[in-house]
Structures are given as C-alpha cells and as structure tokens.
Amino acid sequence: MSETIQDCKYVELTYRVIDQKSEEILVAVEFPIGYVHGVNDILAPAVKKELEGRSAGDVIEVPIDCNQIYGPRDESLVFTDRVENVPKEYREVGTTLHAENEKGETQSFIVTRIDDETLTVDGNNPLCGRKVIFNLEVLGVRDAIEEEIEAGGPVDAAGADIPEALTVPLQ
C-alpha cells in the first residue's frame, strides 16, 4: 500500500499554474519540489487541503481565485519612468527590483514593459486579479526525516537547507 499525504510526510511533486480564462500556462516548475506536509507553508491552504490523503501518481486540479490570496490589483503599484532614469541592469522585462518605503519595508517590483522611451514596473503579484488552476502531480510520499521536518523541506547531505526555487509564491 502506498503512503498518503498527511502531516510530517515528505512530498515531492510538480505543478503548473494555468490561467482559467486564457488557458495559458503561467508557471511550470522545471524540477520537482519537495516539502514536508503540515510543516512548510509553501502551498495555498486550498491546495494543501486537496493534497491530503493523496499518494504518488495522483494528479489533481485546484481552482484558485488569486484575489483571495493576493488581494485585488492595486494600480498605484504600477510605475512608468523614462528608460534613461533606470539603471541598465534593470532594463529587461521580467527583472525584479526591490524598493524600500519610508517605513523600511521592502516591496518587489517586476519590469513588465519596455519601449524606446519608457520602462514600466509593477509591484502587484503576477497572479493578482487572476483565476487560475493549480495542476499538481504527486511524484512521491514518504515519512520525513527529523532534519526535513525541522527545515520544512529537503536538506543536503550536510544537513543544510536546500533552497526551493519556486517561481511564484503560492500562499
């Protein structure tokens, strides 16, 4: 009998995020991700709940209204400036830059548009305002070892956390 996903189980999976309206694949992980269920909060609660009780080989689809996770789009977080006012290392669509407000809080902005004269950055989460489907395939489920439970995910041979390369925060 195969193991099922429950708290303190190490889970390995792949996922895709698909826009419900356009059916465009917005995000697809290139390599499987691993996490400890019930310990690591990398997944949206609705996704986590749908994974419980599943086992290797299961494929699930979870519809998510990203407004419930990230809130509605805030157009005050979109800025356009003359391209010559922006350092050259940030003049590429998809580049992330970080700005600090007067309270010392950091906000991430993504370069979303460049033309001959202007550059636009957007501080909204890329999924903001979208309805998406998380398509997940469970690759493996097993008991997590103590170091993985402490780290919330995979650890290397020396016991150090291995950073997850998630392209989109899912919570």
Protein backbone atom coordinates (compact mmCIF):
# COMPACT_ATOMS: atom_id res chain seq x y z
CA MET A 1 0.00 0.00 0.00
CA SER A 2 1.38 3.39 -0.94
CA GLU A 3 1.89 6.21 1.52
CA THR A 4 -0.66 9.01 1.61
CA ILE A 5 -0.07 12.70 2.15
CA GLN A 6 -0.59 13.78 5.75
CA ASP A 7 1.27 15.87 8.31
CA CYS A 8 5.00 15.16 8.61
CA LYS A 9 5.18 13.32 5.30
CA TYR A 10 7.80 14.38 2.79
CA VAL A 11 6.05 15.08 -0.52
CA GLU A 12 7.62 15.53 -3.91
CA LEU A 13 5.53 16.99 -6.71
CA THR A 14 5.45 19.05 -9.86
CA TYR A 15 2.89 21.69 -10.66
CA ARG A 16 1.63 24.06 -13.28
CA VAL A 17 -0.41 27.21 -12.81
CA ILE A 18 -2.90 27.72 -15.64
CA ASP A 19 -4.94 30.86 -16.27
CA GLN A 20 -8.62 29.79 -16.28
CA LYS A 21 -9.62 32.41 -18.85
CA SER A 22 -6.85 32.09 -21.44
CA GLU A 23 -5.73 28.52 -20.57
CA GLU A 24 -2.17 29.87 -20.76
CA ILE A 25 0.40 28.12 -18.57
CA LEU A 26 1.64 30.91 -16.31
CA VAL A 27 4.11 28.88 -14.26
CA ALA A 28 5.52 25.40 -14.60
CA VAL A 29 8.19 24.05 -12.28
CA GLU A 30 11.14 22.69 -14.20
CA PHE A 31 12.22 20.30 -11.45
CA PRO A 32 10.11 18.59 -8.77
CA ILE A 33 9.76 20.41 -5.46
CA GLY A 34 9.82 18.75 -2.07
CA TYR A 35 8.24 19.88 1.16
CA VAL A 36 7.07 18.47 4.48
CA HIS A 37 3.27 18.49 4.60
CA GLY A 38 1.83 20.36 7.57
CA VAL A 39 5.20 21.94 8.38
CA ASN A 40 6.04 24.04 5.33
CA ASP A 41 3.50 26.63 4.17
CA ILE A 42 4.67 26.97 0.56
CA LEU A 43 1.27 25.95 -0.76
CA ALA A 44 -2.01 27.84 -0.65
CA PRO A 45 -4.33 26.36 2.01
CA ALA A 46 -6.83 25.15 -0.62
CA VAL A 47 -4.05 23.30 -2.47
CA LYS A 48 -2.69 21.79 0.75
CA LYS A 49 -6.18 20.56 1.71
CA GLU A 50 -6.72 18.91 -1.69
CA LEU A 51 -3.38 17.10 -1.43
CA GLU A 52 -4.20 15.46 1.91
CA GLY A 53 -4.86 11.75 1.51
CA ARG A 54 -3.35 11.64 -1.98
CA SER A 55 -0.50 9.36 -3.00
CA ALA A 56 2.21 9.02 -5.65
CA GLY A 57 0.78 9.08 -9.15
CA ASP A 58 -2.26 11.21 -8.26
CA VAL A 59 -2.90 14.29 -10.40
CA ILE A 60 -5.21 16.96 -9.05
CA GLU A 61 -6.54 20.29 -10.26
CA VAL A 62 -7.43 23.01 -7.78
CA PRO A 63 -9.16 26.20 -8.94
CA ILE A 64 -7.94 29.29 -7.08
CA ASP A 65 -9.19 32.88 -7.14
CA CYS A 66 -5.89 34.70 -6.63
CA ASN A 67 -7.73 37.78 -5.34
CA GLN A 68 -8.40 35.74 -2.19
CA ILE A 69 -4.68 35.12 -1.77
CA TYR A 70 -3.07 38.33 -3.00
CA GLY A 71 -5.98 40.79 -2.95
CA PRO A 72 -7.16 42.82 -5.92
CA ARG A 73 -4.75 44.57 -8.27
CA ASP A 74 -3.51 47.90 -6.97
CA GLU A 75 -2.78 50.22 -9.89
CA SER A 76 -0.89 52.57 -7.53
CA LEU A 77 1.86 49.91 -7.54
CA VAL A 78 2.46 50.37 -11.29
CA PHE A 79 5.07 52.97 -12.25
CA THR A 80 6.38 54.14 -15.60
CA ASP A 81 9.56 56.19 -15.95
CA ARG A 82 11.87 57.27 -18.73
CA VAL A 83 14.17 54.38 -19.58
CA GLU A 84 17.32 56.53 -19.16
CA ASN A 85 16.38 57.04 -15.48
CA VAL A 86 16.62 53.30 -14.84
CA PRO A 87 20.00 51.56 -14.32
CA LYS A 88 20.94 49.34 -17.28
CA GLU A 89 20.87 46.13 -15.21
CA TYR A 90 17.10 46.59 -14.72
CA ARG A 91 16.23 47.23 -18.37
CA GLU A 92 14.86 43.78 -19.18
CA VAL A 93 11.27 42.53 -18.96
CA GLY A 94 10.95 40.08 -16.07
CA THR A 95 13.73 41.63 -13.98
CA THR A 96 12.82 42.01 -10.31
CA LEU A 97 13.93 45.03 -8.36
CA HIS A 98 13.37 45.86 -4.71
CA ALA A 99 12.47 49.23 -3.26
CA GLU A 100 12.18 50.32 0.36
CA ASN A 101 9.41 52.62 1.60
CA GLU A 102 9.73 55.27 4.31
CA LYS A 103 8.86 52.60 6.95
CA GLY A 104 11.79 50.44 5.85
CA GLU A 105 9.53 47.79 4.30
CA THR A 106 10.77 46.14 1.11
CA GLN A 107 8.49 45.87 -1.93
CA SER A 108 9.33 43.82 -5.02
CA PHE A 109 8.61 45.19 -8.47
CA ILE A 110 8.81 43.37 -11.78
CA VAL A 111 9.72 45.08 -15.04
CA THR A 112 6.66 44.41 -17.20
CA ARG A 113 7.15 46.64 -20.23
CA ILE A 114 9.95 48.49 -22.03
CA ASP A 115 9.84 50.57 -25.19
CA ASP A 116 12.26 53.05 -26.74
CA GLU A 117 11.39 55.75 -24.22
CA THR A 118 9.81 54.23 -21.10
CA LEU A 119 10.06 51.35 -18.65
CA THR A 120 7.14 50.10 -16.51
CA VAL A 121 7.39 48.20 -13.22
CA ASP A 122 4.55 46.52 -11.34
CA GLY A 123 4.52 45.79 -7.60
CA ASN A 124 1.45 43.54 -7.79
CA ASN A 125 1.92 39.79 -7.56
CA PRO A 126 1.85 38.42 -11.14
CA LEU A 127 -1.19 36.27 -10.24
CA CYS A 128 -3.12 39.18 -8.77
CA GLY A 129 -6.57 39.56 -10.32
CA ARG A 130 -6.49 36.13 -11.99
CA LYS A 131 -8.44 32.95 -11.55
CA VAL A 132 -6.11 30.02 -12.02
CA ILE A 133 -5.98 26.26 -11.84
CA PHE A 134 -3.14 24.60 -9.93
CA ASN A 135 -2.43 21.32 -11.70
CA LEU A 136 -0.29 19.12 -9.42
CA GLU A 137 1.21 15.68 -9.89
CA VAL A 138 2.30 13.81 -6.78
CA LEU A 139 5.59 12.04 -7.52
CA GLY A 140 6.37 10.59 -4.11
CA VAL A 141 5.26 10.43 -0.48
CA ARG A 142 7.31 9.07 2.42
CA ASP A 143 8.00 9.64 6.09
CA ALA A 144 10.05 12.79 6.54
CA ILE A 145 13.29 12.52 8.48
CA GLU A 146 13.81 14.76 11.51
CA GLU A 147 16.09 17.20 9.66
CA GLU A 148 13.48 17.63 6.89
CA ILE A 149 10.75 18.28 9.46
CA GLU A 150 12.92 20.93 11.12
CA ALA A 151 13.73 22.54 7.75
CA GLY A 152 10.23 22.10 6.32
CA GLY A 153 11.71 20.55 3.19
CA PRO A 154 14.73 18.90 1.62
CA VAL A 155 18.17 19.03 3.22
CA ASP A 156 21.54 18.22 1.69
CA ALA A 157 23.94 15.58 2.99
CA ALA A 158 25.46 18.07 5.45
CA GLY A 159 22.01 18.85 6.86
CA ALA A 160 21.78 22.38 5.44
CA ASP A 161 18.53 23.62 3.98
CA ILE A 162 18.32 23.37 0.22
CA PRO A 163 16.56 26.48 -1.07
CA GLU A 164 13.43 25.79 -3.09
CA ALA A 165 13.30 27.50 -6.46
CA LEU A 166 9.63 28.36 -6.56
CA THR A 167 8.90 30.83 -9.27
CA VAL A 168 5.62 32.01 -7.77
CA PRO A 169 4.77 32.21 -4.11
CA LEU A 170 1.74 30.03 -3.56
CA GLN A 171 0.39 31.26 -0.28
